[in-house]
Amino acid sequence: MNVRIDIECTPEEFKELFIPSEKQAEFAASFQQAMMKGMQQAMLDSMQETFKQQFNPFGPGRGGRE
């Protein structure tokens, strides 16, 4: 099976489609920073919740110490 796709565009348009420009690189960097910040916050929240559940002296305990 052969597939052929013809794309009509200028060299500048081709560069915009297939080669990252300043705006695309800036967007990728911003996206990566936002993603890392979100992942770090989710991990911290999860760790804090786990810590609270395991070491809360006022809540129900584990292993039958209720």
N, C-alpha and C. Protein backbone atom coordinates (compact mmCIF):
# COMPACT_ATOMS: atom_id res chain seq x y z
N MET A 1 0.84 -1.17 0.00
CA MET A 1 0.00 0.00 0.00
C MET A 1 0.89 1.23 0.00
N ASN A 2 0.62 2.14 -0.86
CA ASN A 2 1.35 3.40 -0.95
C ASN A 2 0.39 4.54 -0.71
N VAL A 3 0.85 5.52 0.03
CA VAL A 3 0.06 6.71 0.29
C VAL A 3 0.90 7.91 -0.11
N ARG A 4 0.27 8.78 -0.85
CA ARG A 4 0.98 9.97 -1.29
C ARG A 4 0.18 11.19 -0.87
N ILE A 5 0.87 12.15 -0.27
CA ILE A 5 0.22 13.38 0.15
C ILE A 5 0.98 14.55 -0.47
N ASP A 6 0.26 15.39 -1.17
CA ASP A 6 0.85 16.59 -1.75
C ASP A 6 0.45 17.79 -0.90
N ILE A 7 1.44 18.55 -0.49
CA ILE A 7 1.19 19.74 0.30
C ILE A 7 1.68 20.95 -0.48
N GLU A 8 0.76 21.85 -0.72
CA GLU A 8 1.12 23.08 -1.42
C GLU A 8 1.33 24.18 -0.38
N CYS A 9 2.56 24.66 -0.30
CA CYS A 9 2.85 25.76 0.60
C CYS A 9 4.18 26.39 0.22
N THR A 10 4.39 27.56 0.76
CA THR A 10 5.65 28.25 0.52
C THR A 10 6.70 27.67 1.47
N PRO A 11 7.96 27.92 1.21
CA PRO A 11 8.99 27.44 2.14
C PRO A 11 8.80 27.97 3.56
N GLU A 12 8.35 29.21 3.70
CA GLU A 12 8.11 29.78 5.02
C GLU A 12 6.97 29.05 5.72
N GLU A 13 5.90 28.74 4.98
CA GLU A 13 4.78 27.99 5.56
C GLU A 13 5.22 26.59 5.97
N PHE A 14 6.07 25.98 5.17
CA PHE A 14 6.57 24.64 5.48
C PHE A 14 7.37 24.68 6.80
N LYS A 15 8.20 25.71 6.95
CA LYS A 15 8.97 25.84 8.18
C LYS A 15 8.06 25.97 9.39
N GLU A 16 7.00 26.75 9.25
CA GLU A 16 6.06 26.93 10.35
C GLU A 16 5.36 25.62 10.71
N LEU A 17 5.11 24.78 9.71
CA LEU A 17 4.44 23.51 9.97
C LEU A 17 5.36 22.48 10.63
N PHE A 18 6.58 22.38 10.19
CA PHE A 18 7.43 21.26 10.58
C PHE A 18 8.66 21.61 11.40
N ILE A 19 9.02 22.87 11.48
CA ILE A 19 10.19 23.27 12.24
C ILE A 19 9.72 24.21 13.34
N PRO A 20 10.02 23.89 14.61
CA PRO A 20 9.53 24.74 15.70
C PRO A 20 10.03 26.18 15.59
N SER A 21 9.12 27.10 15.68
CA SER A 21 9.48 28.51 15.66
C SER A 21 9.65 29.00 17.09
N GLU A 22 9.93 30.26 17.25
CA GLU A 22 10.09 30.84 18.60
C GLU A 22 8.82 30.66 19.41
N LYS A 23 7.69 30.91 18.81
CA LYS A 23 6.42 30.81 19.53
C LYS A 23 6.16 29.37 19.96
N GLN A 24 6.46 28.40 19.10
CA GLN A 24 6.24 27.00 19.44
C GLN A 24 7.17 26.58 20.57
N ALA A 25 8.42 27.03 20.52
CA ALA A 25 9.37 26.70 21.57
C ALA A 25 8.96 27.35 22.89
N GLU A 26 8.48 28.58 22.81
CA GLU A 26 8.02 29.29 24.01
C GLU A 26 6.81 28.58 24.61
N PHE A 27 5.87 28.16 23.75
CA PHE A 27 4.70 27.43 24.22
C PHE A 27 5.11 26.11 24.87
N ALA A 28 6.03 25.38 24.25
CA ALA A 28 6.48 24.10 24.80
C ALA A 28 7.14 24.30 26.16
N ALA A 29 7.94 25.33 26.30
CA ALA A 29 8.60 25.60 27.58
C ALA A 29 7.57 25.96 28.66
N SER A 30 6.61 26.80 28.31
CA SER A 30 5.56 27.18 29.26
C SER A 30 4.72 25.97 29.66
N PHE A 31 4.40 25.14 28.68
CA PHE A 31 3.60 23.94 28.94
C PHE A 31 4.37 23.01 29.88
N GLN A 32 5.65 22.83 29.63
CA GLN A 32 6.46 21.94 30.47
C GLN A 32 6.53 22.47 31.90
N GLN A 33 6.71 23.76 32.07
CA GLN A 33 6.77 24.34 33.41
C GLN A 33 5.45 24.16 34.15
N ALA A 34 4.34 24.41 33.45
CA ALA A 34 3.03 24.25 34.07
C ALA A 34 2.77 22.78 34.44
N MET A 35 3.17 21.88 33.58
CA MET A 35 2.98 20.46 33.84
C MET A 35 3.80 20.02 35.05
N MET A 36 5.05 20.44 35.13
CA MET A 36 5.90 20.08 36.26
C MET A 36 5.35 20.66 37.57
N LYS A 37 4.89 21.90 37.51
CA LYS A 37 4.33 22.52 38.71
C LYS A 37 3.09 21.76 39.18
N GLY A 38 2.23 21.39 38.25
CA GLY A 38 1.04 20.62 38.60
C GLY A 38 1.37 19.25 39.17
N MET A 39 2.34 18.58 38.59
CA MET A 39 2.75 17.26 39.08
C MET A 39 3.37 17.36 40.47
N GLN A 40 4.19 18.38 40.69
CA GLN A 40 4.80 18.56 42.01
C GLN A 40 3.73 18.83 43.06
N GLN A 41 2.75 19.67 42.72
CA GLN A 41 1.70 19.99 43.68
C GLN A 41 0.86 18.76 43.98
N ALA A 42 0.54 17.97 42.97
CA ALA A 42 -0.24 16.75 43.19
C ALA A 42 0.53 15.76 44.07
N MET A 43 1.82 15.64 43.84
CA MET A 43 2.64 14.74 44.64
C MET A 43 2.71 15.22 46.09
N LEU A 44 2.91 16.51 46.30
CA LEU A 44 2.95 17.05 47.66
C LEU A 44 1.62 16.84 48.38
N ASP A 45 0.52 17.11 47.69
CA ASP A 45 -0.79 16.91 48.29
C ASP A 45 -1.00 15.46 48.69
N SER A 46 -0.61 14.56 47.82
CA SER A 46 -0.75 13.13 48.10
C SER A 46 0.11 12.71 49.28
N MET A 47 1.34 13.20 49.34
CA MET A 47 2.23 12.86 50.45
C MET A 47 1.69 13.42 51.77
N GLN A 48 1.17 14.64 51.74
CA GLN A 48 0.62 15.23 52.96
C GLN A 48 -0.59 14.45 53.44
N GLU A 49 -1.45 14.05 52.53
CA GLU A 49 -2.65 13.28 52.90
C GLU A 49 -2.25 11.93 53.48
N THR A 50 -1.27 11.27 52.88
CA THR A 50 -0.80 9.99 53.38
C THR A 50 -0.20 10.15 54.76
N PHE A 51 0.60 11.19 54.96
CA PHE A 51 1.22 11.46 56.25
C PHE A 51 0.15 11.68 57.31
N LYS A 52 -0.88 12.48 56.97
CA LYS A 52 -1.96 12.75 57.92
C LYS A 52 -2.67 11.47 58.32
N GLN A 53 -2.94 10.62 57.34
CA GLN A 53 -3.66 9.38 57.62
C GLN A 53 -2.84 8.45 58.50
N GLN A 54 -1.55 8.40 58.32
CA GLN A 54 -0.71 7.47 59.07
C GLN A 54 -0.36 7.97 60.46
N PHE A 55 -0.21 9.26 60.64
CA PHE A 55 0.31 9.77 61.90
C PHE A 55 -0.65 10.71 62.63
N ASN A 56 -1.92 10.67 62.32
CA ASN A 56 -2.90 11.52 62.99
C ASN A 56 -3.25 10.88 64.34
N PRO A 57 -2.84 11.47 65.47
CA PRO A 57 -3.12 10.86 66.77
C PRO A 57 -4.58 11.00 67.20
N PHE A 58 -5.34 11.85 66.54
CA PHE A 58 -6.71 12.09 66.94
C PHE A 58 -7.74 11.35 66.09
N GLY A 59 -7.31 10.81 64.97
CA GLY A 59 -8.24 10.11 64.09
C GLY A 59 -8.19 8.62 64.31
N PRO A 60 -9.00 7.89 63.56
CA PRO A 60 -8.96 6.44 63.69
C PRO A 60 -7.61 5.90 63.27
N GLY A 61 -7.09 5.00 64.04
CA GLY A 61 -5.79 4.43 63.76
C GLY A 61 -5.88 3.19 62.91
N ARG A 62 -4.74 2.64 62.62
CA ARG A 62 -4.68 1.41 61.83
C ARG A 62 -4.39 0.24 62.75
N GLY A 63 -4.73 -0.92 62.32
CA GLY A 63 -4.43 -2.11 63.09
C GLY A 63 -5.29 -2.27 64.33
N GLY A 64 -6.51 -1.74 64.30
CA GLY A 64 -7.44 -1.96 65.39
C GLY A 64 -7.29 -0.98 66.55
N ARG A 65 -6.56 0.09 66.39
CA ARG A 65 -6.39 1.07 67.46
C ARG A 65 -7.41 2.21 67.32
N GLU A 66 -8.65 1.90 67.22
CA GLU A 66 -9.66 2.93 66.99
C GLU A 66 -10.16 3.55 68.26
